[in-house]
PDB file of N, CA and C in Angstrom:
ATOM      1  N   MET A   1     -11.192  14.283  13.304  1.00  0.00           N
ATOM      2  CA  MET A   1      -9.810  14.111  13.035  1.00  0.00           C
ATOM      3  C   MET A   1      -9.079  13.334  12.281  1.00  0.00           C
ATOM      4  N   GLU A   2      -8.239  13.867  11.537  1.00  0.00           N
ATOM      5  CA  GLU A   2      -7.463  13.285  10.447  1.00  0.00           C
ATOM      6  C   GLU A   2      -6.476  11.832  10.665  1.00  0.00           C
ATOM      7  N   THR A   3      -6.836  10.994  10.261  1.00  0.00           N
ATOM      8  CA  THR A   3      -6.029   9.539  10.218  1.00  0.00           C
ATOM      9  C   THR A   3      -4.504   9.829   9.609  1.00  0.00           C
ATOM     10  N   SER A   4      -3.542   9.434  10.469  1.00  0.00           N
ATOM     11  CA  SER A   4      -2.303   9.558   9.511  1.00  0.00           C
ATOM     12  C   SER A   4      -2.089   8.275   8.532  1.00  0.00           C
ATOM     13  N   ILE A   5      -1.013   8.775   7.516  1.00  0.00           N
ATOM     14  CA  ILE A   5      -0.976   7.813   6.639  1.00  0.00           C
ATOM     15  C   ILE A   5      -0.394   6.419   7.258  1.00  0.00           C
ATOM     16  N   GLU A   6       0.400   6.606   8.300  1.00  0.00           N
ATOM     17  CA  GLU A   6       1.083   5.298   8.821  1.00  0.00           C
ATOM     18  C   GLU A   6      -0.052   4.665   9.346  1.00  0.00           C
ATOM     19  N   GLU A   7      -1.243   5.042  10.129  1.00  0.00           N
ATOM     20  CA  GLU A   7      -2.243   4.247  10.880  1.00  0.00           C
ATOM     21  C   GLU A   7      -3.190   3.833   9.482  1.00  0.00           C
ATOM     22  N   LEU A   8      -3.463   4.455   8.420  1.00  0.00           N
ATOM     23  CA  LEU A   8      -4.175   4.341   7.257  1.00  0.00           C
ATOM     24  C   LEU A   8      -3.433   2.847   6.749  1.00  0.00           C
ATOM     25  N   SER A   9      -2.173   2.980   6.283  1.00  0.00           N
ATOM     26  CA  SER A   9      -1.395   1.764   6.092  1.00  0.00           C
ATOM     27  C   SER A   9      -1.191   0.621   6.863  1.00  0.00           C
ATOM     28  N   TYR A  10      -1.314   0.859   8.100  1.00  0.00           N
ATOM     29  CA  TYR A  10      -1.189  -0.033   9.193  1.00  0.00           C
ATOM     30  C   TYR A  10      -2.398  -1.072   8.942  1.00  0.00           C
ATOM     31  N   ARG A  11      -3.231  -0.432   8.904  1.00  0.00           N
ATOM     32  CA  ARG A  11      -5.125  -0.921   8.915  1.00  0.00           C
ATOM     33  C   ARG A  11      -4.853  -1.669   7.493  1.00  0.00           C
ATOM     34  N   PHE A  12      -4.550  -1.339   6.600  1.00  0.00           N
ATOM     35  CA  PHE A  12      -4.340  -1.610   4.935  1.00  0.00           C
ATOM     36  C   PHE A  12      -3.654  -3.193   5.211  1.00  0.00           C
ATOM     37  N   ALA A  13      -2.642  -2.883   5.746  1.00  0.00           N
ATOM     38  CA  ALA A  13      -1.258  -4.399   5.818  1.00  0.00           C
ATOM     39  C   ALA A  13      -2.318  -5.204   6.706  1.00  0.00           C
ATOM     40  N   LEU A  14      -3.063  -5.092   7.588  1.00  0.00           N
ATOM     41  CA  LEU A  14      -3.589  -5.919   8.386  1.00  0.00           C
ATOM     42  C   LEU A  14      -4.385  -6.575   7.519  1.00  0.00           C
ATOM     43  N   ARG A  15      -5.422  -6.057   6.469  1.00  0.00           N
ATOM     44  CA  ARG A  15      -6.482  -6.622   5.771  1.00  0.00           C
ATOM     45  C   ARG A  15      -5.588  -7.518   4.660  1.00  0.00           C
ATOM     46  N   ILE A  16      -4.333  -7.302   4.306  1.00  0.00           N
ATOM     47  CA  ILE A  16      -3.409  -7.891   3.273  1.00  0.00           C
ATOM     48  C   ILE A  16      -3.157  -8.844   4.025  1.00  0.00           C
ATOM     49  N   VAL A  17      -2.613  -9.169   5.330  1.00  0.00           N
ATOM     50  CA  VAL A  17      -2.345 -10.299   5.975  1.00  0.00           C
ATOM     51  C   VAL A  17      -3.383 -11.035   5.745  1.00  0.00           C
ATOM     52  N   LYS A  18      -4.683 -10.619   6.184  1.00  0.00           N
ATOM     53  CA  LYS A  18      -5.832 -11.595   6.616  1.00  0.00           C
ATOM     54  C   LYS A  18      -6.186 -12.143   5.473  1.00  0.00           C
ATOM     55  N   LEU A  19      -6.157 -11.599   4.133  1.00  0.00           N
ATOM     56  CA  LEU A  19      -6.467 -12.035   2.936  1.00  0.00           C
ATOM     57  C   LEU A  19      -4.956 -13.037   2.640  1.00  0.00           C
ATOM     58  N   ASN A  20      -3.899 -12.980   2.699  1.00  0.00           N
ATOM     59  CA  ASN A  20      -3.092 -13.751   2.495  1.00  0.00           C
ATOM     60  C   ASN A  20      -3.251 -15.071   2.927  1.00  0.00           C
ATOM     61  N   GLU A  21      -3.399 -14.962   4.402  1.00  0.00           N
ATOM     62  CA  GLU A  21      -3.675 -16.155   4.589  1.00  0.00           C
ATOM     63  C   GLU A  21      -4.784 -17.206   4.338  1.00  0.00           C
ATOM     64  N   ALA A  22      -5.988 -16.426   4.017  1.00  0.00           N
ATOM     65  CA  ALA A  22      -7.065 -16.682   2.955  1.00  0.00           C
ATOM     66  C   ALA A  22      -6.383 -17.762   1.679  1.00  0.00           C
ATOM     67  N   LEU A  23      -5.664 -16.824   0.971  1.00  0.00           N
ATOM     68  CA  LEU A  23      -5.437 -17.393  -0.201  1.00  0.00           C
ATOM     69  C   LEU A  23      -4.038 -18.865  -0.034  1.00  0.00           C
ATOM     70  N   GLN A  24      -3.521 -18.496   0.942  1.00  0.00           N
ATOM     71  CA  GLN A  24      -2.687 -19.397   1.441  1.00  0.00           C
ATOM     72  C   GLN A  24      -3.580 -20.758   1.478  1.00  0.00           C
ATOM     73  N   ARG A  25      -4.386 -20.727   1.968  1.00  0.00           N
ATOM     74  CA  ARG A  25      -5.071 -21.789   2.492  1.00  0.00           C
ATOM     75  C   ARG A  25      -5.757 -22.587   1.197  1.00  0.00           C
ATOM     76  N   HIS A  26      -5.576 -21.834   0.042  1.00  0.00           N
ATOM     77  CA  HIS A  26      -6.141 -22.464  -0.908  1.00  0.00           C
ATOM     78  C   HIS A  26      -4.671 -22.472  -1.878  1.00  0.00           C
ATOM     79  N   GLN A  27      -4.011 -22.321  -1.496  1.00  0.00           N
ATOM     80  CA  GLN A  27      -2.264 -22.852  -2.104  1.00  0.00           C
ATOM     81  C   GLN A  27      -2.160 -21.819  -3.420  1.00  0.00           C
ATOM     82  N   HIS A  28      -2.716 -20.724  -3.160  1.00  0.00           N
ATOM     83  CA  HIS A  28      -2.406 -19.606  -4.151  1.00  0.00           C
ATOM     84  C   HIS A  28      -1.116 -18.841  -3.629  1.00  0.00           C
ATOM     85  N   TYR A  29      -0.158 -19.640  -3.684  1.00  0.00           N
ATOM     86  CA  TYR A  29       1.032 -18.917  -3.052  1.00  0.00           C
ATOM     87  C   TYR A  29       2.095 -17.995  -3.770  1.00  0.00           C
ATOM     88  N   VAL A  30       2.063 -18.057  -4.821  1.00  0.00           N
ATOM     89  CA  VAL A  30       2.855 -16.958  -5.637  1.00  0.00           C
ATOM     90  C   VAL A  30       2.105 -15.801  -5.361  1.00  0.00           C
ATOM     91  N   LEU A  31       0.677 -15.686  -6.064  1.00  0.00           N
ATOM     92  CA  LEU A  31       0.190 -14.643  -6.104  1.00  0.00           C
ATOM     93  C   LEU A  31       0.088 -13.869  -4.083  1.00  0.00           C
ATOM     94  N   SER A  32      -0.156 -14.729  -3.439  1.00  0.00           N
ATOM     95  CA  SER A  32      -0.288 -14.248  -2.121  1.00  0.00           C
ATOM     96  C   SER A  32       1.091 -13.821  -1.583  1.00  0.00           C
ATOM     97  N   LYS A  33       1.979 -14.700  -1.725  1.00  0.00           N
ATOM     98  CA  LYS A  33       3.474 -13.751  -1.442  1.00  0.00           C
ATOM     99  C   LYS A  33       3.570 -12.267  -2.114  1.00  0.00           C
ATOM    100  N   GLN A  34       3.187 -12.385  -3.251  1.00  0.00           N
ATOM    101  CA  GLN A  34       3.591 -10.890  -4.078  1.00  0.00           C
ATOM    102  C   GLN A  34       2.695  -9.744  -3.553  1.00  0.00           C
ATOM    103  N   LEU A  35       1.465 -10.361  -2.911  1.00  0.00           N
ATOM    104  CA  LEU A  35       0.424  -9.231  -2.448  1.00  0.00           C
ATOM    105  C   LEU A  35       1.006  -9.010  -1.160  1.00  0.00           C
ATOM    106  N   LEU A  36       1.143  -9.887  -0.486  1.00  0.00           N
ATOM    107  CA  LEU A  36       1.607  -9.609   0.931  1.00  0.00           C
ATOM    108  C   LEU A  36       3.164  -8.927   1.282  1.00  0.00           C
ATOM    109  N   ARG A  37       3.972  -9.194   0.346  1.00  0.00           N
ATOM    110  CA  ARG A  37       5.360  -8.389   0.218  1.00  0.00           C
ATOM    111  C   ARG A  37       5.005  -6.811  -0.353  1.00  0.00           C
ATOM    112  N   SER A  38       4.296  -6.649  -1.195  1.00  0.00           N
ATOM    113  CA  SER A  38       3.829  -4.784  -1.800  1.00  0.00           C
ATOM    114  C   SER A  38       2.696  -4.655  -0.520  1.00  0.00           C
ATOM    115  N   GLY A  39       1.710  -5.095  -0.145  1.00  0.00           N
ATOM    116  CA  GLY A  39       0.843  -4.639   0.605  1.00  0.00           C
ATOM    117  C   GLY A  39       1.221  -4.029   1.900  1.00  0.00           C
ATOM    118  N   THR A  40       2.437  -5.017   2.358  1.00  0.00           N
ATOM    119  CA  THR A  40       2.522  -4.646   3.963  1.00  0.00           C
ATOM    120  C   THR A  40       3.996  -3.900   3.954  1.00  0.00           C
ATOM    121  N   ALA A  41       4.610  -3.454   2.587  1.00  0.00           N
ATOM    122  CA  ALA A  41       5.833  -2.410   2.416  1.00  0.00           C
ATOM    123  C   ALA A  41       5.141  -1.125   2.454  1.00  0.00           C
ATOM    124  N   ILE A  42       4.371  -0.578   2.369  1.00  0.00           N
ATOM    125  CA  ILE A  42       4.040   0.509   2.353  1.00  0.00           C
ATOM    126  C   ILE A  42       3.971   1.393   3.961  1.00  0.00           C
ATOM    127  N   GLY A  43       3.218   0.905   4.676  1.00  0.00           N
ATOM    128  CA  GLY A  43       3.631   1.315   6.329  1.00  0.00           C
ATOM    129  C   GLY A  43       4.849   1.535   6.664  1.00  0.00           C
ATOM    130  N   PRO A  44       5.592   0.791   6.213  1.00  0.00           N
ATOM    131  CA  PRO A  44       6.910   0.704   6.719  1.00  0.00           C
ATOM    132  C   PRO A  44       7.853   1.586   6.368  1.00  0.00           C
ATOM    133  N   LEU A  45       7.688   2.015   4.947  1.00  0.00           N
ATOM    134  CA  LEU A  45       8.319   3.319   4.331  1.00  0.00           C
ATOM    135  C   LEU A  45       7.758   4.596   4.760  1.00  0.00           C
ATOM    136  N   ALA A  46       6.186   4.556   4.982  1.00  0.00           N
ATOM    137  CA  ALA A  46       6.070   5.811   5.476  1.00  0.00           C
ATOM    138  C   ALA A  46       6.604   6.157   6.928  1.00  0.00           C
ATOM    139  N   ALA A  47       6.600   5.272   7.615  1.00  0.00           N
ATOM    140  CA  ALA A  47       7.153   5.047   8.922  1.00  0.00           C
ATOM    141  C   ALA A  47       8.511   5.408   9.161  1.00  0.00           C
ATOM    142  N   GLU A  48       9.449   4.952   8.157  1.00  0.00           N
ATOM    143  CA  GLU A  48      10.773   5.260   7.867  1.00  0.00           C
ATOM    144  C   GLU A  48      10.901   6.854   7.561  1.00  0.00           C
ATOM    145  N   ALA A  49      10.136   7.037   6.770  1.00  0.00           N
ATOM    146  CA  ALA A  49      10.221   8.483   5.990  1.00  0.00           C
ATOM    147  C   ALA A  49      10.070   9.624   7.259  1.00  0.00           C
ATOM    148  N   GLN A  50       9.247   9.288   8.449  1.00  0.00           N
ATOM    149  CA  GLN A  50       9.494  10.255   9.412  1.00  0.00           C
ATOM    150  C   GLN A  50      10.590  10.594   9.882  1.00  0.00           C
ATOM    151  N   TYR A  51      11.487   9.773   9.957  1.00  0.00           N
ATOM    152  CA  TYR A  51      12.953   9.479  10.384  1.00  0.00           C
ATOM    153  C   TYR A  51      13.914  10.028   9.345  1.00  0.00           C
ATOM    154  N   ALA A  52      13.673  10.275   8.163  1.00  0.00           N
ATOM    155  CA  ALA A  52      14.485  10.740   7.099  1.00  0.00           C
ATOM    156  C   ALA A  52      15.832  11.582   7.486  1.00  0.00           C
ATOM    157  N   GLN A  53      16.732  11.219   6.707  1.00  0.00           N
ATOM    158  CA  GLN A  53      17.827  12.005   6.970  1.00  0.00           C
ATOM    159  C   GLN A  53      17.856  13.611   6.375  1.00  0.00           C
ATOM    160  N   SER A  54      17.011  13.825   5.409  1.00  0.00           N
ATOM    161  CA  SER A  54      16.859  14.906   4.875  1.00  0.00           C
ATOM    162  C   SER A  54      15.480  15.054   4.112  1.00  0.00           C
ATOM    163  N   LYS A  55      14.898  15.989   3.373  1.00  0.00           N
ATOM    164  CA  LYS A  55      13.991  16.348   2.646  1.00  0.00           C
ATOM    165  C   LYS A  55      14.000  15.553   1.651  1.00  0.00           C
ATOM    166  N   PRO A  56      14.913  14.936   0.732  1.00  0.00           N
ATOM    167  CA  PRO A  56      15.206  14.319  -0.367  1.00  0.00           C
ATOM    168  C   PRO A  56      14.823  12.861  -0.132  1.00  0.00           C
ATOM    169  N   ASP A  57      15.536  12.636   1.030  1.00  0.00           N
ATOM    170  CA  ASP A  57      15.150  11.254   1.485  1.00  0.00           C
ATOM    171  C   ASP A  57      14.079  11.036   2.072  1.00  0.00           C
ATOM    172  N   PHE A  58      13.461  11.549   2.783  1.00  0.00           N
ATOM    173  CA  PHE A  58      11.951  11.851   2.946  1.00  0.00           C
ATOM    174  C   PHE A  58      11.023  11.659   1.772  1.00  0.00           C
ATOM    175  N   ILE A  59      11.108  12.107   0.443  1.00  0.00           N
ATOM    176  CA  ILE A  59      10.290  11.986  -0.600  1.00  0.00           C
ATOM    177  C   ILE A  59      10.511  10.932  -1.208  1.00  0.00           C
ATOM    178  N   HIS A  60      11.887  10.299  -1.107  1.00  0.00           N
ATOM    179  CA  HIS A  60      12.209   9.332  -1.943  1.00  0.00           C
ATOM    180  C   HIS A  60      11.945   8.035  -1.063  1.00  0.00           C
ATOM    181  N   LYS A  61      11.729   7.969   0.054  1.00  0.00           N
ATOM    182  CA  LYS A  61      11.024   6.984   0.802  1.00  0.00           C
ATOM    183  C   LYS A  61       9.555   6.851   0.364  1.00  0.00           C
ATOM    184  N   LEU A  62       8.968   7.871   0.183  1.00  0.00           N
ATOM    185  CA  LEU A  62       7.428   7.987   0.084  1.00  0.00           C
ATOM    186  C   LEU A  62       7.152   7.635  -1.264  1.00  0.00           C
ATOM    187  N   GLN A  63       8.179   7.905  -2.209  1.00  0.00           N
ATOM    188  CA  GLN A  63       7.989   7.792  -3.639  1.00  0.00           C
ATOM    189  C   GLN A  63       8.112   6.104  -3.814  1.00  0.00           C
ATOM    190  N   ILE A  64       8.805   5.307  -2.835  1.00  0.00           N
ATOM    191  CA  ILE A  64       9.025   3.919  -3.110  1.00  0.00           C
ATOM    192  C   ILE A  64       7.692   3.222  -2.498  1.00  0.00           C
ATOM    193  N   ALA A  65       6.978   4.014  -1.335  1.00  0.00           N
ATOM    194  CA  ALA A  65       5.691   3.545  -0.781  1.00  0.00           C
ATOM    195  C   ALA A  65       4.369   3.724  -1.680  1.00  0.00           C
ATOM    196  N   LEU A  66       4.721   4.382  -2.754  1.00  0.00           N
ATOM    197  CA  LEU A  66       4.177   4.938  -3.757  1.00  0.00           C
ATOM    198  C   LEU A  66       3.945   3.799  -4.914  1.00  0.00           C
ATOM    199  N   LYS A  67       5.064   3.439  -5.390  1.00  0.00           N
ATOM    200  CA  LYS A  67       5.612   2.133  -5.701  1.00  0.00           C
ATOM    201  C   LYS A  67       5.012   0.880  -5.503  1.00  0.00           C
ATOM    202  N   GLU A  68       5.058   0.842  -3.982  1.00  0.00           N
ATOM    203  CA  GLU A  68       4.397  -0.701  -3.701  1.00  0.00           C
ATOM    204  C   GLU A  68       3.083  -0.336  -3.423  1.00  0.00           C
ATOM    205  N   ALA A  69       2.680   0.551  -3.342  1.00  0.00           N
ATOM    206  CA  ALA A  69       0.919   0.878  -3.485  1.00  0.00           C
ATOM    207  C   ALA A  69       0.450   0.451  -4.919  1.00  0.00           C
ATOM    208  N   ASN A  70       1.154   0.894  -5.741  1.00  0.00           N
ATOM    209  CA  ASN A  70       0.801   0.737  -7.326  1.00  0.00           C
ATOM    210  C   ASN A  70       0.838  -0.673  -7.608  1.00  0.00           C
ATOM    211  N   GLU A  71       1.969  -1.186  -7.132  1.00  0.00           N
ATOM    212  CA  GLU A  71       2.280  -2.575  -7.209  1.00  0.00           C
ATOM    213  C   GLU A  71       0.661  -3.370  -6.705  1.00  0.00           C
ATOM    214  N   THR A  72       0.842  -3.189  -5.520  1.00  0.00           N
ATOM    215  CA  THR A  72      -0.410  -3.422  -5.135  1.00  0.00           C
ATOM    216  C   THR A  72      -1.606  -3.641  -5.296  1.00  0.00           C
ATOM    217  N   ARG A  73      -1.732  -2.600  -6.123  1.00  0.00           N
ATOM    218  CA  ARG A  73      -3.096  -2.754  -7.074  1.00  0.00           C
ATOM    219  C   ARG A  73      -3.268  -3.352  -7.993  1.00  0.00           C
ATOM    220  N   TYR A  74      -1.865  -3.648  -8.749  1.00  0.00           N
ATOM    221  CA  TYR A  74      -1.922  -4.646  -9.603  1.00  0.00           C
ATOM    222  C   TYR A  74      -2.186  -6.023  -9.424  1.00  0.00           C
ATOM    223  N   TRP A  75      -1.567  -6.427  -8.295  1.00  0.00           N
ATOM    224  CA  TRP A  75      -1.499  -7.887  -7.522  1.00  0.00           C
ATOM    225  C   TRP A  75      -3.424  -8.006  -7.073  1.00  0.00           C
ATOM    226  N   LEU A  76      -3.678  -6.887  -6.675  1.00  0.00           N
ATOM    227  CA  LEU A  76      -5.266  -6.928  -6.308  1.00  0.00           C
ATOM    228  C   LEU A  76      -6.245  -7.275  -7.392  1.00  0.00           C
ATOM    229  N   ARG A  77      -5.794  -6.395  -8.849  1.00  0.00           N
ATOM    230  CA  ARG A  77      -6.836  -6.416  -9.901  1.00  0.00           C
ATOM    231  C   ARG A  77      -6.556  -8.007 -10.549  1.00  0.00           C
ATOM    232  N   LEU A  78      -5.097  -8.652 -10.404  1.00  0.00           N
ATOM    233  CA  LEU A  78      -4.910  -9.888 -10.886  1.00  0.00           C
ATOM    234  C   LEU A  78      -5.799 -10.724 -10.182  1.00  0.00           C
ATOM    235  N   LEU A  79      -5.768 -10.827  -8.943  1.00  0.00           N
ATOM    236  CA  LEU A  79      -6.455 -11.822  -7.862  1.00  0.00           C
ATOM    237  C   LEU A  79      -8.092 -11.703  -8.320  1.00  0.00           C
ATOM    238  N   ARG A  80      -8.666 -10.528  -8.653  1.00  0.00           N
ATOM    239  CA  ARG A  80     -10.141 -10.506  -8.658  1.00  0.00           C
ATOM    240  C   ARG A  80     -10.293 -11.055 -10.231  1.00  0.00           C
ATOM    241  N   ASP A  81      -9.562 -10.491 -11.189  1.00  0.00           N
ATOM    242  CA  ASP A  81      -9.829 -11.178 -12.545  1.00  0.00           C
ATOM    243  C   ASP A  81      -9.551 -12.436 -12.712  1.00  0.00           C
ATOM    244  N   SER A  82      -8.762 -12.909 -11.969  1.00  0.00           N
ATOM    245  CA  SER A  82      -8.345 -14.620 -12.007  1.00  0.00           C
ATOM    246  C   SER A  82      -9.739 -15.194 -11.205  1.00  0.00           C
ATOM    247  N   GLY A  83     -10.584 -14.515 -10.527  1.00  0.00           N
ATOM    248  CA  GLY A  83     -11.632 -15.037  -9.608  1.00  0.00           C
ATOM    249  C   GLY A  83     -11.344 -15.476  -8.128  1.00  0.00           C
ATOM    250  N   TYR A  84      -9.743 -15.262  -7.833  1.00  0.00           N
ATOM    251  CA  TYR A  84      -9.354 -15.875  -6.748  1.00  0.00           C
ATOM    252  C   TYR A  84     -10.243 -14.748  -5.240  1.00  0.00           C
ATOM    253  N   ILE A  85     -10.586 -13.526  -5.730  1.00  0.00           N
ATOM    254  CA  ILE A  85     -10.994 -13.043  -4.474  1.00  0.00           C
ATOM    255  C   ILE A  85     -12.492 -11.953  -5.375  1.00  0.00           C
ATOM    256  N   ASP A  86     -13.598 -11.856  -4.704  1.00  0.00           N
ATOM    257  CA  ASP A  86     -14.746 -11.411  -5.529  1.00  0.00           C
ATOM    258  C   ASP A  86     -14.746  -9.778  -5.461  1.00  0.00           C
ATOM    259  N   SER A  87     -15.406  -9.592  -6.200  1.00  0.00           N
ATOM    260  CA  SER A  87     -15.636  -7.856  -6.419  1.00  0.00           C
ATOM    261  C   SER A  87     -15.732  -7.251  -4.989  1.00  0.00           C
ATOM    262  N   ASP A  88     -16.830  -7.708  -4.398  1.00  0.00           N
ATOM    263  CA  ASP A  88     -16.828  -6.827  -2.937  1.00  0.00           C
ATOM    264  C   ASP A  88     -15.499  -6.655  -2.376  1.00  0.00           C
ATOM    265  N   LEU A  89     -14.977  -7.491  -1.866  1.00  0.00           N
ATOM    266  CA  LEU A  89     -13.367  -7.347  -1.403  1.00  0.00           C
ATOM    267  C   LEU A  89     -12.697  -6.847  -2.095  1.00  0.00           C
ATOM    268  N   PHE A  90     -12.411  -7.061  -3.312  1.00  0.00           N
ATOM    269  CA  PHE A  90     -11.633  -6.047  -4.288  1.00  0.00           C
ATOM    270  C   PHE A  90     -11.972  -4.619  -4.207  1.00  0.00           C
ATOM    271  N   SER A  91     -13.483  -4.220  -4.385  1.00  0.00           N
ATOM    272  CA  SER A  91     -13.925  -2.856  -4.028  1.00  0.00           C
ATOM    273  C   SER A  91     -13.044  -2.094  -2.891  1.00  0.00           C
ATOM    274  N   SER A  92     -13.554  -2.891  -1.584  1.00  0.00           N
ATOM    275  CA  SER A  92     -13.236  -2.388  -0.556  1.00  0.00           C
ATOM    276  C   SER A  92     -11.747  -2.273  -0.596  1.00  0.00           C
ATOM    277  N   LEU A  93     -10.991  -3.396  -0.682  1.00  0.00           N
ATOM    278  CA  LEU A  93      -9.467  -3.342  -0.810  1.00  0.00           C
ATOM    279  C   LEU A  93      -9.017  -1.977  -1.529  1.00  0.00           C
ATOM    280  N   LEU A  94      -9.347  -1.836  -2.867  1.00  0.00           N
ATOM    281  CA  LEU A  94      -9.098  -0.859  -3.459  1.00  0.00           C
ATOM    282  C   LEU A  94      -9.081   0.300  -3.179  1.00  0.00           C
ATOM    283  N   SER A  95     -10.321   0.921  -2.633  1.00  0.00           N
ATOM    284  CA  SER A  95     -11.084   2.111  -2.138  1.00  0.00           C
ATOM    285  C   SER A  95      -9.904   2.446  -1.050  1.00  0.00           C
ATOM    286  N   GLU A  96      -9.735   1.443   0.117  1.00  0.00           N
ATOM    287  CA  GLU A  96      -8.559   2.046   0.999  1.00  0.00           C
ATOM    288  C   GLU A  96      -7.312   2.398   0.472  1.00  0.00           C
ATOM    289  N   LEU A  97      -7.078   1.483  -0.851  1.00  0.00           N
ATOM    290  CA  LEU A  97      -5.433   1.632  -1.295  1.00  0.00           C
ATOM    291  C   LEU A  97      -5.447   2.876  -2.027  1.00  0.00           C
ATOM    292  N   GLU A  98      -6.618   3.232  -2.669  1.00  0.00           N
ATOM    293  CA  GLU A  98      -6.591   4.547  -3.542  1.00  0.00           C
ATOM    294  C   GLU A  98      -6.516   5.895  -2.592  1.00  0.00           C
ATOM    295  N   SER A  99      -7.353   5.531  -1.176  1.00  0.00           N
ATOM    296  CA  SER A  99      -6.927   6.575  -0.320  1.00  0.00           C
ATOM    297  C   SER A  99      -5.583   7.029   0.143  1.00  0.00           C
ATOM    298  N   ILE A 100      -4.779   5.359   0.371  1.00  0.00           N
ATOM    299  CA  ILE A 100      -3.755   6.065   0.482  1.00  0.00           C
ATOM    300  C   ILE A 100      -2.640   6.404  -0.731  1.00  0.00           C
ATOM    301  N   ILE A 101      -2.909   5.891  -1.574  1.00  0.00           N
ATOM    302  CA  ILE A 101      -2.081   6.672  -2.944  1.00  0.00           C
ATOM    303  C   ILE A 101      -2.449   7.977  -3.078  1.00  0.00           C
ATOM    304  N   ARG A 102      -3.656   8.559  -2.646  1.00  0.00           N
ATOM    305  CA  ARG A 102      -4.026  10.092  -2.622  1.00  0.00           C
ATOM    306  C   ARG A 102      -2.890  10.637  -1.497  1.00  0.00           C
ATOM    307  N   ILE A 103      -3.033  10.403  -0.484  1.00  0.00           N
ATOM    308  CA  ILE A 103      -2.477  10.751   0.541  1.00  0.00           C
ATOM    309  C   ILE A 103      -0.809  10.932   0.415  1.00  0.00           C
ATOM    310  N   LEU A 104      -0.308   9.876  -0.176  1.00  0.00           N
ATOM    311  CA  LEU A 104       1.044   9.827  -0.675  1.00  0.00           C
ATOM    312  C   LEU A 104       1.274  10.705  -1.390  1.00  0.00           C
ATOM    313  N   THR A 105       0.392  10.725  -2.719  1.00  0.00           N
ATOM    314  CA  THR A 105       0.779  11.716  -3.728  1.00  0.00           C
ATOM    315  C   THR A 105       1.167  13.083  -3.330  1.00  0.00           C
ATOM    316  N   ARG A 106      -0.349  13.333  -2.559  1.00  0.00           N
ATOM    317  CA  ARG A 106      -0.536  15.050  -1.858  1.00  0.00           C
ATOM    318  C   ARG A 106       1.003  15.056  -1.075  1.00  0.00           C
ATOM    319  N   ILE A 107       1.345  14.105  -0.223  1.00  0.00           N
ATOM    320  CA  ILE A 107       2.371  14.272   0.590  1.00  0.00           C
ATOM    321  C   ILE A 107       3.695  14.731  -0.307  1.00  0.00           C
ATOM    322  N   VAL A 108       3.861  13.902  -1.352  1.00  0.00           N
ATOM    323  CA  VAL A 108       5.144  13.961  -1.936  1.00  0.00           C
ATOM    324  C   VAL A 108       5.039  15.217  -2.764  1.00  0.00           C
ATOM    325  N   ASN A 109       3.787  15.504  -3.682  1.00  0.00           N
ATOM    326  CA  ASN A 109       4.008  16.799  -4.477  1.00  0.00           C
ATOM    327  C   ASN A 109       4.117  18.244  -3.217  1.00  0.00           C
ATOM    328  N   THR A 110       3.905  18.017  -2.235  1.00  0.00           N
ATOM    329  CA  THR A 110       3.920  19.074  -1.348  1.00  0.00           C
ATOM    330  C   THR A 110       5.293  19.340  -1.179  1.00  0.00           C
ATOM    331  N   SER A 111       5.876  18.244  -0.664  1.00  0.00           N
ATOM    332  CA  SER A 111       7.103  18.066  -0.048  1.00  0.00           C
ATOM    333  C   SER A 111       8.075  18.204  -1.275  1.00  0.00           C
ATOM    334  N   LYS A 112       7.622  18.061  -2.714  1.00  0.00           N
ATOM    335  CA  LYS A 112       8.644  18.641  -3.477  1.00  0.00           C
ATOM    336  C   LYS A 112       8.743  20.037  -4.119  1.00  0.00           C
ATOM    337  N   LYS A 113       7.566  20.730  -3.663  1.00  0.00           N
ATOM    338  CA  LYS A 113       7.240  22.081  -3.940  1.00  0.00           C
ATOM    339  C   LYS A 113       7.998  22.847  -2.882  1.00  0.00           C
ATOM    340  N   ASN A 114       8.050  22.463  -1.495  1.00  0.00           N
ATOM    341  CA  ASN A 114       8.759  22.705  -0.421  1.00  0.00           C
ATOM    342  C   ASN A 114      10.298  23.051  -0.445  1.00  0.00           C
ATOM    343  N   LEU A 115      10.740  21.846  -1.369  1.00  0.00           N
ATOM    344  CA  LEU A 115      11.973  21.764  -1.668  1.00  0.00           C
ATOM    345  C   LEU A 115      12.619  22.994  -2.121  1.00  0.00           C
ATOM    346  N   GLN A 116      11.990  23.712  -3.344  1.00  0.00           N
ATOM    347  CA  GLN A 116      12.148  24.519  -4.260  1.00  0.00           C
ATOM    348  C   GLN A 116      12.555  26.222  -3.728  1.00  0.00           C
TER     349      GLN A 116
END
């Protein structure tokens, strides 16, 4: 059974919330807030796309979700390279995020083709 992009992004957001709490305890406020904002934005955008007003609106919302996912990748890399998260946690989160990005990309590309 295939898991929906909404469910995948929701589970990912839960992990980001927990990581944010740990970063806050160590007073890494700026990075934790940036990661929390982008990492938890992916799911709501994917959910909102399900009720888009048109196919272009659907595509637009998912493209914004992709932008948030790419920003989240940046913050995760910065956290790893600055030593705030270890390589194992980074790899696990990145693997999950890359799956989300692949699915979003596939949905956007297919939707664009169906517009023509």
